[in-house]
């Protein structure tokens, strides 16, 4: 997990990850290192190790991801750094770029992909009706079942 934030505050992300792991019944170790320094802050990379919750691995991942992402966005950080917002961070897109940024992305998507065939629903949820995309309201800061991470065997 990566975030970019000012360093003049404590690290609520580290505490949020630890609390989420404990709430899952799998307390673990949460580590953080600085990978890039800027005038405005630093890019912090969080690594956590915990026992796997075998009966609900994806639920465990969701709980940690949501807690950490909420801590990052409410703490004044950015979840994108230089990677941008992708599928895993799409639920926090509006927190990241604001309403105007989302409107710009939706307008661009509508103009360049009028029938909604390019990566449909990957970043912004899109349904097509009569050849024109219909964009539902984005759910901010919540993971849903459709955006679960892929499992690597």
Foldseek 3Di string as FASTA:
>chain_A
DKKWAAPPDDQVLQVLLQVLCVVVVWGWDKDWDFDAADPGHTMIDIDIDTDAPVVCNLVSVQSNLLSNVVSQLVVGIAPQVPNHAWLSRLLAVCSHQNPVRVVVVLVVCCVVPQQQPPPAPTRFHWDDDPSGTDGDDRNHRHDDPVSTDDDDD
